[in-house]
Amino acid sequence: MAGDNKNLKFHSIQSIILGIVFVLAAIVLNIIIAIIPFLWFLSPILSLAIFASCVGLAVLGYQGKAPELPIIGPMARTYADK
């Protein structure tokens, strides 16, 4: 079952944490852009970075590789091992 698969659990939790980080980064960037409007060009750069990382991680997952992200990976591992 999926609940017993630690690897599946780990990557699911890592994906959820990464999504939360992306949303928080977008919120913080939009607040900064509201304060300093001439930094508007950072928003498309962040969007492209998020898209590229999602595509890259999806390709690695499809190839069967298991990337563990630097900061998020150990956090996800602790939750997956519970």
PDB file of N, CA and C in Angstrom:
ATOM      1  N   MET A   1       0.821  -1.186   0.000  1.00  0.00           N
ATOM      2  CA  MET A   1       0.000   0.000   0.000  1.00  0.00           C
ATOM      3  C   MET A   1       0.868   1.254   0.000  1.00  0.00           C
ATOM      4  N   ALA A   2       0.274   2.369  -0.401  1.00  0.00           N
ATOM      5  CA  ALA A   2       1.025   3.616  -0.482  1.00  0.00           C
ATOM      6  C   ALA A   2       1.432   4.110   0.898  1.00  0.00           C
ATOM      7  N   GLY A   3       0.641   3.841   1.921  1.00  0.00           N
ATOM      8  CA  GLY A   3       0.968   4.297   3.266  1.00  0.00           C
ATOM      9  C   GLY A   3       2.179   3.599   3.853  1.00  0.00           C
ATOM     10  N   ASP A   4       2.511   2.434   3.337  1.00  0.00           N
ATOM     11  CA  ASP A   4       3.644   1.686   3.848  1.00  0.00           C
ATOM     12  C   ASP A   4       4.946   2.007   3.108  1.00  0.00           C
ATOM     13  N   ASN A   5       4.871   2.664   1.974  1.00  0.00           N
ATOM     14  CA  ASN A   5       6.036   2.945   1.157  1.00  0.00           C
ATOM     15  C   ASN A   5       6.727   4.215   1.663  1.00  0.00           C
ATOM     16  N   LYS A   6       7.862   4.049   2.336  1.00  0.00           N
ATOM     17  CA  LYS A   6       8.567   5.201   2.924  1.00  0.00           C
ATOM     18  C   LYS A   6       9.109   6.130   1.843  1.00  0.00           C
ATOM     19  N   ASN A   7       9.528   5.557   0.694  1.00  0.00           N
ATOM     20  CA  ASN A   7      10.069   6.378  -0.376  1.00  0.00           C
ATOM     21  C   ASN A   7       8.987   7.278  -0.974  1.00  0.00           C
ATOM     22  N   LEU A   8       7.817   6.719  -1.195  1.00  0.00           N
ATOM     23  CA  LEU A   8       6.700   7.496  -1.710  1.00  0.00           C
ATOM     24  C   LEU A   8       6.289   8.574  -0.718  1.00  0.00           C
ATOM     25  N   LYS A   9       6.245   8.212   0.541  1.00  0.00           N
ATOM     26  CA  LYS A   9       5.898   9.160   1.593  1.00  0.00           C
ATOM     27  C   LYS A   9       6.897  10.313   1.638  1.00  0.00           C
ATOM     28  N   PHE A  10       8.195   9.968   1.556  1.00  0.00           N
ATOM     29  CA  PHE A  10       9.243  10.985   1.600  1.00  0.00           C
ATOM     30  C   PHE A  10       9.106  11.984   0.462  1.00  0.00           C
ATOM     31  N   HIS A  11       8.937  11.483  -0.759  1.00  0.00           N
ATOM     32  CA  HIS A  11       8.866  12.393  -1.907  1.00  0.00           C
ATOM     33  C   HIS A  11       7.572  13.202  -1.914  1.00  0.00           C
ATOM     34  N   SER A  12       6.506  12.639  -1.393  1.00  0.00           N
ATOM     35  CA  SER A  12       5.258  13.403  -1.289  1.00  0.00           C
ATOM     36  C   SER A  12       5.405  14.554  -0.303  1.00  0.00           C
ATOM     37  N   ILE A  13       5.982  14.264   0.845  1.00  0.00           N
ATOM     38  CA  ILE A  13       6.174  15.313   1.854  1.00  0.00           C
ATOM     39  C   ILE A  13       7.164  16.360   1.363  1.00  0.00           C
ATOM     40  N   GLN A  14       8.235  15.917   0.681  1.00  0.00           N
ATOM     41  CA  GLN A  14       9.210  16.866   0.138  1.00  0.00           C
ATOM     42  C   GLN A  14       8.551  17.786  -0.888  1.00  0.00           C
ATOM     43  N   SER A  15       7.666  17.248  -1.711  1.00  0.00           N
ATOM     44  CA  SER A  15       6.958  18.040  -2.709  1.00  0.00           C
ATOM     45  C   SER A  15       6.024  19.059  -2.057  1.00  0.00           C
ATOM     46  N   ILE A  16       5.341  18.643  -1.008  1.00  0.00           N
ATOM     47  CA  ILE A  16       4.435  19.564  -0.308  1.00  0.00           C
ATOM     48  C   ILE A  16       5.222  20.704   0.332  1.00  0.00           C
ATOM     49  N   ILE A  17       6.334  20.378   0.985  1.00  0.00           N
ATOM     50  CA  ILE A  17       7.155  21.419   1.618  1.00  0.00           C
ATOM     51  C   ILE A  17       7.722  22.371   0.563  1.00  0.00           C
ATOM     52  N   LEU A  18       8.172  21.823  -0.576  1.00  0.00           N
ATOM     53  CA  LEU A  18       8.708  22.668  -1.645  1.00  0.00           C
ATOM     54  C   LEU A  18       7.626  23.599  -2.194  1.00  0.00           C
ATOM     55  N   GLY A  19       6.404  23.096  -2.337  1.00  0.00           N
ATOM     56  CA  GLY A  19       5.302  23.939  -2.797  1.00  0.00           C
ATOM     57  C   GLY A  19       5.003  25.068  -1.828  1.00  0.00           C
ATOM     58  N   ILE A  20       5.064  24.775  -0.536  1.00  0.00           N
ATOM     59  CA  ILE A  20       4.850  25.814   0.477  1.00  0.00           C
ATOM     60  C   ILE A  20       5.943  26.870   0.398  1.00  0.00           C
ATOM     61  N   VAL A  21       7.182  26.428   0.202  1.00  0.00           N
ATOM     62  CA  VAL A  21       8.301  27.369   0.075  1.00  0.00           C
ATOM     63  C   VAL A  21       8.109  28.260  -1.154  1.00  0.00           C
ATOM     64  N   PHE A  22       7.675  27.667  -2.271  1.00  0.00           N
ATOM     65  CA  PHE A  22       7.438  28.454  -3.484  1.00  0.00           C
ATOM     66  C   PHE A  22       6.346  29.499  -3.273  1.00  0.00           C
ATOM     67  N   VAL A  23       5.265  29.110  -2.608  1.00  0.00           N
ATOM     68  CA  VAL A  23       4.167  30.052  -2.361  1.00  0.00           C
ATOM     69  C   VAL A  23       4.634  31.181  -1.444  1.00  0.00           C
ATOM     70  N   LEU A  24       5.358  30.845  -0.390  1.00  0.00           N
ATOM     71  CA  LEU A  24       5.869  31.881   0.518  1.00  0.00           C
ATOM     72  C   LEU A  24       6.841  32.817  -0.185  1.00  0.00           C
ATOM     73  N   ALA A  25       7.695  32.268  -1.059  1.00  0.00           N
ATOM     74  CA  ALA A  25       8.633  33.120  -1.806  1.00  0.00           C
ATOM     75  C   ALA A  25       7.873  34.075  -2.724  1.00  0.00           C
ATOM     76  N   ALA A  26       6.817  33.598  -3.362  1.00  0.00           N
ATOM     77  CA  ALA A  26       6.027  34.465  -4.237  1.00  0.00           C
ATOM     78  C   ALA A  26       5.321  35.556  -3.449  1.00  0.00           C
ATOM     79  N   ILE A  27       4.802  35.227  -2.277  1.00  0.00           N
ATOM     80  CA  ILE A  27       4.128  36.232  -1.443  1.00  0.00           C
ATOM     81  C   ILE A  27       5.120  37.302  -0.993  1.00  0.00           C
ATOM     82  N   VAL A  28       6.279  36.867  -0.505  1.00  0.00           N
ATOM     83  CA  VAL A  28       7.292  37.826  -0.049  1.00  0.00           C
ATOM     84  C   VAL A  28       7.750  38.706  -1.206  1.00  0.00           C
ATOM     85  N   LEU A  29       7.976  38.111  -2.376  1.00  0.00           N
ATOM     86  CA  LEU A  29       8.411  38.904  -3.526  1.00  0.00           C
ATOM     87  C   LEU A  29       7.342  39.908  -3.934  1.00  0.00           C
ATOM     88  N   ASN A  30       6.075  39.517  -3.905  1.00  0.00           N
ATOM     89  CA  ASN A  30       5.019  40.465  -4.265  1.00  0.00           C
ATOM     90  C   ASN A  30       4.903  41.600  -3.257  1.00  0.00           C
ATOM     91  N   ILE A  31       5.156  41.331  -1.998  1.00  0.00           N
ATOM     92  CA  ILE A  31       5.161  42.404  -0.997  1.00  0.00           C
ATOM     93  C   ILE A  31       6.316  43.358  -1.269  1.00  0.00           C
ATOM     94  N   ILE A  32       7.476  42.806  -1.587  1.00  0.00           N
ATOM     95  CA  ILE A  32       8.636  43.650  -1.894  1.00  0.00           C
ATOM     96  C   ILE A  32       8.371  44.486  -3.138  1.00  0.00           C
ATOM     97  N   ILE A  33       7.745  43.882  -4.152  1.00  0.00           N
ATOM     98  CA  ILE A  33       7.428  44.628  -5.380  1.00  0.00           C
ATOM     99  C   ILE A  33       6.402  45.721  -5.102  1.00  0.00           C
ATOM    100  N   ALA A  34       5.485  45.491  -4.177  1.00  0.00           N
ATOM    101  CA  ALA A  34       4.513  46.526  -3.818  1.00  0.00           C
ATOM    102  C   ALA A  34       5.198  47.711  -3.148  1.00  0.00           C
ATOM    103  N   ILE A  35       6.262  47.443  -2.405  1.00  0.00           N
ATOM    104  CA  ILE A  35       6.993  48.517  -1.732  1.00  0.00           C
ATOM    105  C   ILE A  35       7.957  49.197  -2.691  1.00  0.00           C
ATOM    106  N   ILE A  36       8.661  48.402  -3.493  1.00  0.00           N
ATOM    107  CA  ILE A  36       9.653  48.925  -4.436  1.00  0.00           C
ATOM    108  C   ILE A  36       9.247  48.483  -5.842  1.00  0.00           C
ATOM    109  N   PRO A  37       8.411  49.279  -6.528  1.00  0.00           N
ATOM    110  CA  PRO A  37       7.819  48.840  -7.798  1.00  0.00           C
ATOM    111  C   PRO A  37       8.820  48.583  -8.931  1.00  0.00           C
ATOM    112  N   PHE A  38       9.990  49.223  -8.922  1.00  0.00           N
ATOM    113  CA  PHE A  38      10.905  49.038 -10.046  1.00  0.00           C
ATOM    114  C   PHE A  38      11.604  47.672 -10.011  1.00  0.00           C
ATOM    115  N   LEU A  39      11.284  46.839  -9.034  1.00  0.00           N
ATOM    116  CA  LEU A  39      11.812  45.475  -8.983  1.00  0.00           C
ATOM    117  C   LEU A  39      10.838  44.472  -9.601  1.00  0.00           C
ATOM    118  N   TRP A  40       9.925  44.947 -10.444  1.00  0.00           N
ATOM    119  CA  TRP A  40       8.905  44.108 -11.051  1.00  0.00           C
ATOM    120  C   TRP A  40       9.503  42.963 -11.856  1.00  0.00           C
ATOM    121  N   PHE A  41      10.698  43.129 -12.389  1.00  0.00           N
ATOM    122  CA  PHE A  41      11.317  42.119 -13.240  1.00  0.00           C
ATOM    123  C   PHE A  41      11.698  40.855 -12.463  1.00  0.00           C
ATOM    124  N   LEU A  42      11.697  40.918 -11.140  1.00  0.00           N
ATOM    125  CA  LEU A  42      12.033  39.737 -10.341  1.00  0.00           C
ATOM    126  C   LEU A  42      10.913  38.693 -10.343  1.00  0.00           C
ATOM    127  N   SER A  43       9.684  39.147 -10.543  1.00  0.00           N
ATOM    128  CA  SER A  43       8.551  38.225 -10.523  1.00  0.00           C
ATOM    129  C   SER A  43       8.612  37.194 -11.653  1.00  0.00           C
ATOM    130  N   PRO A  44       8.854  37.601 -12.912  1.00  0.00           N
ATOM    131  CA  PRO A  44       8.968  36.579 -13.959  1.00  0.00           C
ATOM    132  C   PRO A  44      10.195  35.683 -13.776  1.00  0.00           C
ATOM    133  N   ILE A  45      11.261  36.226 -13.202  1.00  0.00           N
ATOM    134  CA  ILE A  45      12.447  35.405 -12.955  1.00  0.00           C
ATOM    135  C   ILE A  45      12.128  34.323 -11.929  1.00  0.00           C
ATOM    136  N   LEU A  46      11.428  34.690 -10.861  1.00  0.00           N
ATOM    137  CA  LEU A  46      11.031  33.698  -9.856  1.00  0.00           C
ATOM    138  C   LEU A  46      10.088  32.664 -10.454  1.00  0.00           C
ATOM    139  N   SER A  47       9.150  33.113 -11.277  1.00  0.00           N
ATOM    140  CA  SER A  47       8.215  32.182 -11.909  1.00  0.00           C
ATOM    141  C   SER A  47       8.938  31.187 -12.809  1.00  0.00           C
ATOM    142  N   LEU A  48       9.907  31.664 -13.579  1.00  0.00           N
ATOM    143  CA  LEU A  48      10.674  30.762 -14.440  1.00  0.00           C
ATOM    144  C   LEU A  48      11.526  29.800 -13.619  1.00  0.00           C
ATOM    145  N   ALA A  49      12.074  30.264 -12.518  1.00  0.00           N
ATOM    146  CA  ALA A  49      12.876  29.392 -11.650  1.00  0.00           C
ATOM    147  C   ALA A  49      12.009  28.295 -11.037  1.00  0.00           C
ATOM    148  N   ILE A  50      10.807  28.655 -10.602  1.00  0.00           N
ATOM    149  CA  ILE A  50       9.889  27.667 -10.042  1.00  0.00           C
ATOM    150  C   ILE A  50       9.495  26.649 -11.105  1.00  0.00           C
ATOM    151  N   PHE A  51       9.169  27.124 -12.291  1.00  0.00           N
ATOM    152  CA  PHE A  51       8.786  26.227 -13.380  1.00  0.00           C
ATOM    153  C   PHE A  51       9.929  25.292 -13.755  1.00  0.00           C
ATOM    154  N   ALA A  52      11.140  25.844 -13.891  1.00  0.00           N
ATOM    155  CA  ALA A  52      12.296  25.029 -14.271  1.00  0.00           C
ATOM    156  C   ALA A  52      12.618  23.980 -13.213  1.00  0.00           C
ATOM    157  N   SER A  53      12.516  24.356 -11.948  1.00  0.00           N
ATOM    158  CA  SER A  53      12.803  23.374 -10.898  1.00  0.00           C
ATOM    159  C   SER A  53      11.736  22.284 -10.856  1.00  0.00           C
ATOM    160  N   CYS A  54      10.477  22.634 -11.070  1.00  0.00           N
ATOM    161  CA  CYS A  54       9.413  21.618 -11.098  1.00  0.00           C
ATOM    162  C   CYS A  54       9.612  20.659 -12.267  1.00  0.00           C
ATOM    163  N   VAL A  55       9.927  21.191 -13.445  1.00  0.00           N
ATOM    164  CA  VAL A  55      10.154  20.330 -14.607  1.00  0.00           C
ATOM    165  C   VAL A  55      11.386  19.459 -14.391  1.00  0.00           C
ATOM    166  N   GLY A  56      12.459  20.041 -13.872  1.00  0.00           N
ATOM    167  CA  GLY A  56      13.681  19.278 -13.632  1.00  0.00           C
ATOM    168  C   GLY A  56      13.482  18.159 -12.631  1.00  0.00           C
ATOM    169  N   LEU A  57      12.783  18.448 -11.549  1.00  0.00           N
ATOM    170  CA  LEU A  57      12.523  17.416 -10.541  1.00  0.00           C
ATOM    171  C   LEU A  57      11.564  16.347 -11.066  1.00  0.00           C
ATOM    172  N   ALA A  58      10.607  16.744 -11.908  1.00  0.00           N
ATOM    173  CA  ALA A  58       9.697  15.763 -12.503  1.00  0.00           C
ATOM    174  C   ALA A  58      10.448  14.827 -13.449  1.00  0.00           C
ATOM    175  N   VAL A  59      11.372  15.379 -14.229  1.00  0.00           N
ATOM    176  CA  VAL A  59      12.171  14.551 -15.140  1.00  0.00           C
ATOM    177  C   VAL A  59      13.035  13.575 -14.344  1.00  0.00           C
ATOM    178  N   LEU A  60      13.660  14.062 -13.270  1.00  0.00           N
ATOM    179  CA  LEU A  60      14.467  13.173 -12.436  1.00  0.00           C
ATOM    180  C   LEU A  60      13.614  12.069 -11.815  1.00  0.00           C
ATOM    181  N   GLY A  61      12.428  12.420 -11.376  1.00  0.00           N
ATOM    182  CA  GLY A  61      11.530  11.422 -10.813  1.00  0.00           C
ATOM    183  C   GLY A  61      11.086  10.399 -11.844  1.00  0.00           C
ATOM    184  N   TYR A  62      10.835  10.856 -13.056  1.00  0.00           N
ATOM    185  CA  TYR A  62      10.424   9.944 -14.126  1.00  0.00           C
ATOM    186  C   TYR A  62      11.550   8.986 -14.495  1.00  0.00           C
ATOM    187  N   GLN A  63      12.795   9.462 -14.387  1.00  0.00           N
ATOM    188  CA  GLN A  63      13.953   8.620 -14.694  1.00  0.00           C
ATOM    189  C   GLN A  63      14.270   7.643 -13.566  1.00  0.00           C
ATOM    190  N   GLY A  64      13.564   7.750 -12.473  1.00  0.00           N
ATOM    191  CA  GLY A  64      13.772   6.827 -11.362  1.00  0.00           C
ATOM    192  C   GLY A  64      14.813   7.294 -10.363  1.00  0.00           C
ATOM    193  N   LYS A  65      15.338   8.482 -10.553  1.00  0.00           N
ATOM    194  CA  LYS A  65      16.312   9.028  -9.606  1.00  0.00           C
ATOM    195  C   LYS A  65      15.555   9.652  -8.438  1.00  0.00           C
ATOM    196  N   ALA A  66      16.171   9.658  -7.290  1.00  0.00           N
ATOM    197  CA  ALA A  66      15.512  10.159  -6.085  1.00  0.00           C
ATOM    198  C   ALA A  66      16.290  11.346  -5.530  1.00  0.00           C
ATOM    199  N   PRO A  67      16.043  12.549  -6.036  1.00  0.00           N
ATOM    200  CA  PRO A  67      16.776  13.696  -5.507  1.00  0.00           C
ATOM    201  C   PRO A  67      16.276  14.089  -4.119  1.00  0.00           C
ATOM    202  N   GLU A  68      17.223  14.324  -3.230  1.00  0.00           N
ATOM    203  CA  GLU A  68      16.877  14.830  -1.904  1.00  0.00           C
ATOM    204  C   GLU A  68      17.371  16.268  -1.845  1.00  0.00           C
ATOM    205  N   LEU A  69      16.452  17.196  -1.740  1.00  0.00           N
ATOM    206  CA  LEU A  69      16.800  18.615  -1.749  1.00  0.00           C
ATOM    207  C   LEU A  69      17.563  18.981  -0.476  1.00  0.00           C
ATOM    208  N   PRO A  70      18.481  19.948  -0.563  1.00  0.00           N
ATOM    209  CA  PRO A  70      19.397  20.231   0.550  1.00  0.00           C
ATOM    210  C   PRO A  70      18.746  20.507   1.902  1.00  0.00           C
ATOM    211  N   ILE A  71      17.869  21.457   2.013  1.00  0.00           N
ATOM    212  CA  ILE A  71      17.302  21.810   3.316  1.00  0.00           C
ATOM    213  C   ILE A  71      15.979  21.086   3.544  1.00  0.00           C
ATOM    214  N   ILE A  72      15.200  20.961   2.495  1.00  0.00           N
ATOM    215  CA  ILE A  72      13.880  20.378   2.594  1.00  0.00           C
ATOM    216  C   ILE A  72      13.947  18.857   2.772  1.00  0.00           C
ATOM    217  N   GLY A  73      14.919  18.220   2.172  1.00  0.00           N
ATOM    218  CA  GLY A  73      15.049  16.764   2.218  1.00  0.00           C
ATOM    219  C   GLY A  73      15.134  16.186   3.626  1.00  0.00           C
ATOM    220  N   PRO A  74      16.050  16.692   4.468  1.00  0.00           N
ATOM    221  CA  PRO A  74      16.104  16.146   5.835  1.00  0.00           C
ATOM    222  C   PRO A  74      14.811  16.384   6.634  1.00  0.00           C
ATOM    223  N   MET A  75      14.158  17.524   6.401  1.00  0.00           N
ATOM    224  CA  MET A  75      12.882  17.772   7.079  1.00  0.00           C
ATOM    225  C   MET A  75      11.846  16.745   6.642  1.00  0.00           C
ATOM    226  N   ALA A  76      11.769  16.494   5.340  1.00  0.00           N
ATOM    227  CA  ALA A  76      10.810  15.530   4.816  1.00  0.00           C
ATOM    228  C   ALA A  76      11.138  14.122   5.296  1.00  0.00           C
ATOM    229  N   ARG A  77      12.418  13.821   5.421  1.00  0.00           N
ATOM    230  CA  ARG A  77      12.828  12.482   5.886  1.00  0.00           C
ATOM    231  C   ARG A  77      12.357  12.226   7.314  1.00  0.00           C
ATOM    232  N   THR A  78      12.426  13.252   8.168  1.00  0.00           N
ATOM    233  CA  THR A  78      11.978  13.067   9.557  1.00  0.00           C
ATOM    234  C   THR A  78      10.474  12.804   9.621  1.00  0.00           C
ATOM    235  N   TYR A  79       9.699  13.514   8.770  1.00  0.00           N
ATOM    236  CA  TYR A  79       8.252  13.289   8.754  1.00  0.00           C
ATOM    237  C   TYR A  79       7.907  11.944   8.135  1.00  0.00           C
ATOM    238  N   ALA A  80       8.654  11.521   7.134  1.00  0.00           N
ATOM    239  CA  ALA A  80       8.358  10.261   6.441  1.00  0.00           C
ATOM    240  C   ALA A  80       8.694   9.060   7.313  1.00  0.00           C
ATOM    241  N   ASP A  81       9.648   9.191   8.203  1.00  0.00           N
ATOM    242  CA  ASP A  81      10.057   8.074   9.045  1.00  0.00           C
ATOM    243  C   ASP A  81       9.125   7.857  10.235  1.00  0.00           C
ATOM    244  N   LYS A  82       8.213   8.782  10.478  1.00  0.00           N
ATOM    245  CA  LYS A  82       7.290   8.642  11.615  1.00  0.00           C
ATOM    246  C   LYS A  82       6.238   7.607  11.340  1.00  0.00           C
TER     247      LYS A  82
END
